[in-house]
Amino acid sequence: MKSSKHLMAAIGMVFFMLNAPVVWADKSSVEIDAPNQVAKGSEVVITLKVTHSANSFFHYTDWVVVKANGEEIARWEYSAMDKPENETFTKKVTVTADKDLQIEAQANCNLHGSAGVSKRIVFVK
């Protein structure tokens, strides 16, 4: 009886150690880098810096999306077999600015969700 309690305790400890990064992990977040102002008709490069600690087979950023003026302009999807390359990574997308651009971006952790929507405005002169 005593050995089965020790076995269960050992199994519990191994499970905890394998999943410890998940316990202290954060939600996926995005920072948007884009110019503040551009000329009408310009191509605008939008760079997204995605951050999520403790990426593993079981726990990772599973999608990133960027919208301009409410319309989705890019989406990246990930899985356990095709995880993001690092805990912090960048994605770029280009859009033509015919009017002010209200940019929104969001990333999602498959276990903990999103840190929220990041917003940025690019003004057209």
C-alpha atoms as a PDB file:
ATOM      1  CA  MET A   1       0.000   0.000   0.000  1.00  0.00           C
ATOM      2  CA  LYS A   2       2.822   2.363   0.899  1.00  0.00           C
ATOM      3  CA  SER A   3       4.605   1.758  -2.418  1.00  0.00           C
ATOM      4  CA  SER A   4       1.454   2.597  -4.421  1.00  0.00           C
ATOM      5  CA  LYS A   5       1.214   5.943  -2.588  1.00  0.00           C
ATOM      6  CA  HIS A   6       4.852   6.638  -3.448  1.00  0.00           C
ATOM      7  CA  LEU A   7       4.205   5.632  -7.059  1.00  0.00           C
ATOM      8  CA  MET A   8       1.196   7.962  -7.279  1.00  0.00           C
ATOM      9  CA  ALA A   9       3.205  10.779  -5.699  1.00  0.00           C
ATOM     10  CA  ALA A  10       6.037  10.191  -8.201  1.00  0.00           C
ATOM     11  CA  ILE A  11       3.605  10.176 -11.143  1.00  0.00           C
ATOM     12  CA  GLY A  12       2.037  13.387  -9.852  1.00  0.00           C
ATOM     13  CA  MET A  13       5.439  15.039  -9.518  1.00  0.00           C
ATOM     14  CA  VAL A  14       6.454  14.029 -13.062  1.00  0.00           C
ATOM     15  CA  PHE A  15       3.142  15.339 -14.433  1.00  0.00           C
ATOM     16  CA  PHE A  16       3.643  18.634 -12.588  1.00  0.00           C
ATOM     17  CA  MET A  17       7.215  19.020 -13.818  1.00  0.00           C
ATOM     18  CA  LEU A  18       6.233  18.363 -17.430  1.00  0.00           C
ATOM     19  CA  ASN A  19       3.396  20.865 -17.262  1.00  0.00           C
ATOM     20  CA  ALA A  20       4.972  23.515 -15.022  1.00  0.00           C
ATOM     21  CA  PRO A  21       5.585  25.947 -17.917  1.00  0.00           C
ATOM     22  CA  VAL A  22       1.857  25.819 -18.708  1.00  0.00           C
ATOM     23  CA  VAL A  23       0.943  26.752 -15.139  1.00  0.00           C
ATOM     24  CA  TRP A  24       3.019  29.971 -15.215  1.00  0.00           C
ATOM     25  CA  ALA A  25       2.544  30.791 -18.889  1.00  0.00           C
ATOM     26  CA  ASP A  26       0.955  33.957 -20.190  1.00  0.00           C
ATOM     27  CA  LYS A  27      -1.557  34.755 -22.885  1.00  0.00           C
ATOM     28  CA  SER A  28      -0.461  35.480 -26.447  1.00  0.00           C
ATOM     29  CA  SER A  29      -0.001  39.190 -27.196  1.00  0.00           C
ATOM     30  CA  VAL A  30       0.740  41.347 -30.234  1.00  0.00           C
ATOM     31  CA  GLU A  31       2.510  44.685 -30.721  1.00  0.00           C
ATOM     32  CA  ILE A  32       1.875  46.578 -33.965  1.00  0.00           C
ATOM     33  CA  ASP A  33       4.642  48.505 -35.716  1.00  0.00           C
ATOM     34  CA  ALA A  34       3.532  50.767 -38.570  1.00  0.00           C
ATOM     35  CA  PRO A  35       4.230  54.352 -39.651  1.00  0.00           C
ATOM     36  CA  ASN A  36       2.186  57.111 -38.016  1.00  0.00           C
ATOM     37  CA  GLN A  37       1.478  58.877 -41.304  1.00  0.00           C
ATOM     38  CA  VAL A  38       1.750  58.032 -45.009  1.00  0.00           C
ATOM     39  CA  ALA A  39       0.840  59.602 -48.356  1.00  0.00           C
ATOM     40  CA  LYS A  40      -2.434  58.523 -49.972  1.00  0.00           C
ATOM     41  CA  GLY A  41      -1.928  55.434 -52.147  1.00  0.00           C
ATOM     42  CA  SER A  42       1.227  54.351 -50.310  1.00  0.00           C
ATOM     43  CA  GLU A  43       2.036  50.751 -49.508  1.00  0.00           C
ATOM     44  CA  VAL A  44       2.168  50.382 -45.728  1.00  0.00           C
ATOM     45  CA  VAL A  45       4.195  47.593 -44.149  1.00  0.00           C
ATOM     46  CA  ILE A  46       2.628  46.440 -40.898  1.00  0.00           C
ATOM     47  CA  THR A  47       4.888  44.402 -38.620  1.00  0.00           C
ATOM     48  CA  LEU A  48       3.404  42.330 -35.826  1.00  0.00           C
ATOM     49  CA  LYS A  49       5.558  41.258 -32.892  1.00  0.00           C
ATOM     50  CA  VAL A  50       3.882  38.253 -31.286  1.00  0.00           C
ATOM     51  CA  THR A  51       4.898  37.182 -27.787  1.00  0.00           C
ATOM     52  CA  HIS A  52       3.948  34.061 -25.867  1.00  0.00           C
ATOM     53  CA  SER A  53       6.150  32.330 -23.315  1.00  0.00           C
ATOM     54  CA  ALA A  54       6.394  28.596 -22.717  1.00  0.00           C
ATOM     55  CA  ASN A  55       5.671  27.333 -26.221  1.00  0.00           C
ATOM     56  CA  SER A  56       5.515  23.540 -26.205  1.00  0.00           C
ATOM     57  CA  PHE A  57       3.781  20.697 -28.021  1.00  0.00           C
ATOM     58  CA  PHE A  58       0.724  21.182 -25.785  1.00  0.00           C
ATOM     59  CA  HIS A  59       0.807  24.956 -25.338  1.00  0.00           C
ATOM     60  CA  TYR A  60       1.442  27.531 -28.062  1.00  0.00           C
ATOM     61  CA  THR A  61       0.094  30.501 -30.021  1.00  0.00           C
ATOM     62  CA  ASP A  62      -2.527  28.896 -32.261  1.00  0.00           C
ATOM     63  CA  TRP A  63      -3.486  31.904 -34.394  1.00  0.00           C
ATOM     64  CA  VAL A  64      -2.623  35.502 -35.216  1.00  0.00           C
ATOM     65  CA  VAL A  65      -4.929  37.845 -37.126  1.00  0.00           C
ATOM     66  CA  VAL A  66      -4.605  41.424 -38.392  1.00  0.00           C
ATOM     67  CA  LYS A  67      -7.421  43.670 -39.622  1.00  0.00           C
ATOM     68  CA  ALA A  68      -7.419  47.045 -41.380  1.00  0.00           C
ATOM     69  CA  ASN A  69     -10.585  49.142 -41.085  1.00  0.00           C
ATOM     70  CA  GLY A  70     -12.470  46.104 -39.777  1.00  0.00           C
ATOM     71  CA  GLU A  71     -11.520  43.756 -42.623  1.00  0.00           C
ATOM     72  CA  GLU A  72      -9.213  40.809 -42.060  1.00  0.00           C
ATOM     73  CA  ILE A  73      -6.096  41.259 -44.192  1.00  0.00           C
ATOM     74  CA  ALA A  74      -3.977  38.385 -42.864  1.00  0.00           C
ATOM     75  CA  ARG A  75      -4.256  35.319 -40.647  1.00  0.00           C
ATOM     76  CA  TRP A  76      -1.717  32.744 -39.566  1.00  0.00           C
ATOM     77  CA  GLU A  77      -2.804  29.452 -37.992  1.00  0.00           C
ATOM     78  CA  TYR A  78      -0.599  27.093 -35.983  1.00  0.00           C
ATOM     79  CA  SER A  79      -0.902  23.604 -34.512  1.00  0.00           C
ATOM     80  CA  ALA A  80       1.065  21.321 -32.215  1.00  0.00           C
ATOM     81  CA  MET A  81       2.848  19.931 -35.272  1.00  0.00           C
ATOM     82  CA  ASP A  82       3.414  23.387 -36.812  1.00  0.00           C
ATOM     83  CA  LYS A  83       4.093  25.748 -33.894  1.00  0.00           C
ATOM     84  CA  PRO A  84       5.421  29.292 -34.227  1.00  0.00           C
ATOM     85  CA  GLU A  85       9.175  29.387 -34.694  1.00  0.00           C
ATOM     86  CA  ASN A  86       9.920  31.066 -31.325  1.00  0.00           C
ATOM     87  CA  GLU A  87       8.268  32.458 -28.210  1.00  0.00           C
ATOM     88  CA  THR A  88       8.635  35.899 -29.819  1.00  0.00           C
ATOM     89  CA  PHE A  89       8.260  36.134 -33.574  1.00  0.00           C
ATOM     90  CA  THR A  90       7.271  38.676 -36.218  1.00  0.00           C
ATOM     91  CA  LYS A  91       4.877  38.641 -39.129  1.00  0.00           C
ATOM     92  CA  LYS A  92       4.578  41.278 -41.846  1.00  0.00           C
ATOM     93  CA  VAL A  93       1.729  42.286 -44.111  1.00  0.00           C
ATOM     94  CA  THR A  94       1.440  45.098 -46.658  1.00  0.00           C
ATOM     95  CA  VAL A  95      -1.691  47.126 -47.374  1.00  0.00           C
ATOM     96  CA  THR A  96      -2.425  50.146 -49.595  1.00  0.00           C
ATOM     97  CA  ALA A  97      -3.490  53.255 -47.670  1.00  0.00           C
ATOM     98  CA  ASP A  98      -6.229  55.087 -49.561  1.00  0.00           C
ATOM     99  CA  LYS A  99      -7.650  56.473 -46.301  1.00  0.00           C
ATOM    100  CA  ASP A 100      -6.723  56.392 -42.616  1.00  0.00           C
ATOM    101  CA  LEU A 101      -6.082  52.824 -41.480  1.00  0.00           C
ATOM    102  CA  GLN A 102      -7.400  51.558 -38.196  1.00  0.00           C
ATOM    103  CA  ILE A 103      -5.248  48.490 -37.608  1.00  0.00           C
ATOM    104  CA  GLU A 104      -6.186  45.805 -35.102  1.00  0.00           C
ATOM    105  CA  ALA A 105      -4.183  42.675 -34.339  1.00  0.00           C
ATOM    106  CA  GLN A 106      -4.664  39.799 -31.954  1.00  0.00           C
ATOM    107  CA  ALA A 107      -2.954  36.505 -31.115  1.00  0.00           C
ATOM    108  CA  ASN A 108      -4.380  33.562 -29.195  1.00  0.00           C
ATOM    109  CA  CYS A 109      -2.864  30.919 -26.899  1.00  0.00           C
ATOM    110  CA  ASN A 110      -4.516  27.530 -27.354  1.00  0.00           C
ATOM    111  CA  LEU A 111      -4.863  27.152 -23.545  1.00  0.00           C
ATOM    112  CA  HIS A 112      -5.044  30.651 -22.047  1.00  0.00           C
ATOM    113  CA  GLY A 113      -6.495  32.829 -24.800  1.00  0.00           C
ATOM    114  CA  SER A 114      -5.503  36.302 -25.867  1.00  0.00           C
ATOM    115  CA  ALA A 115      -4.032  39.264 -24.024  1.00  0.00           C
ATOM    116  CA  GLY A 116      -6.462  41.346 -26.096  1.00  0.00           C
ATOM    117  CA  VAL A 117      -6.626  43.350 -29.273  1.00  0.00           C
ATOM    118  CA  SER A 118      -3.802  45.774 -30.084  1.00  0.00           C
ATOM    119  CA  LYS A 119      -4.738  48.882 -32.065  1.00  0.00           C
ATOM    120  CA  ARG A 120      -2.870  51.407 -34.151  1.00  0.00           C
ATOM    121  CA  ILE A 121      -3.941  54.203 -36.522  1.00  0.00           C
ATOM    122  CA  VAL A 122      -2.010  55.140 -39.657  1.00  0.00           C
ATOM    123  CA  PHE A 123      -3.056  58.590 -40.864  1.00  0.00           C
ATOM    124  CA  VAL A 124      -3.192  59.339 -44.597  1.00  0.00           C
ATOM    125  CA  LYS A 125      -2.219  62.842 -45.721  1.00  0.00           C
END
